[in-house]
């Protein structure tokens, strides 16, 4: 019975976050009202506040969920091309640019802005989000392509994160084309030591 109740609560939490995301994407965080959200999901305000004690707590949970989804998508893009660094970077960057184009929370973090009252308090966490993305990607590349020089790897990962963010702020091409350009730049940096023609994945 306890497990059933926990499952029901998890499902309710996801429904609330989905409804909150829809409203934020449509109207901005500043216009989000807890009473309206409760009505969207068909629960009482008491039930909503039992799950999220405040609007800020709801925003924090929504931000964390969307950031986790972004990081998972980046890893899946790299996972899809374990033997091709350029293709992996291209897939991961294309995913991020596409996601940022339709996800105001991710775009807010990557651009360090809180447009229309969109979680302005979260912009202070942008540096932490960048550090997390950089650390995760760096660890992945180090494990998958150990032959890349550590210094070149660090520079390449940093370039990938910063170039992706800059293209979110000011897109100069469609996501796929921007991803191709960024991937080419990142691979050139990764191979800057000239140790081998192309990094070989760990087998």
Foldseek 3Di string as FASTA:
>chain_A
DVVVVVVVVVVLLVLLLVLQQVCCLVQNLVPDDLCVSCVVSVHHSVVVCVSPVDSVSSLVVSLVVVLVVLLVQLVVLLVVCLFAQLSSQLRSLLSLLVCLVRGVSSLCLLQLHRPPNHPNVCSVCSVVSLVVSLVVVLVVCCQFQVVFDSVLSSVLSNQSSNQSSVCSVPPPDRSSVSSNVSSVVSQCSSCVVVPDPHGGTDD
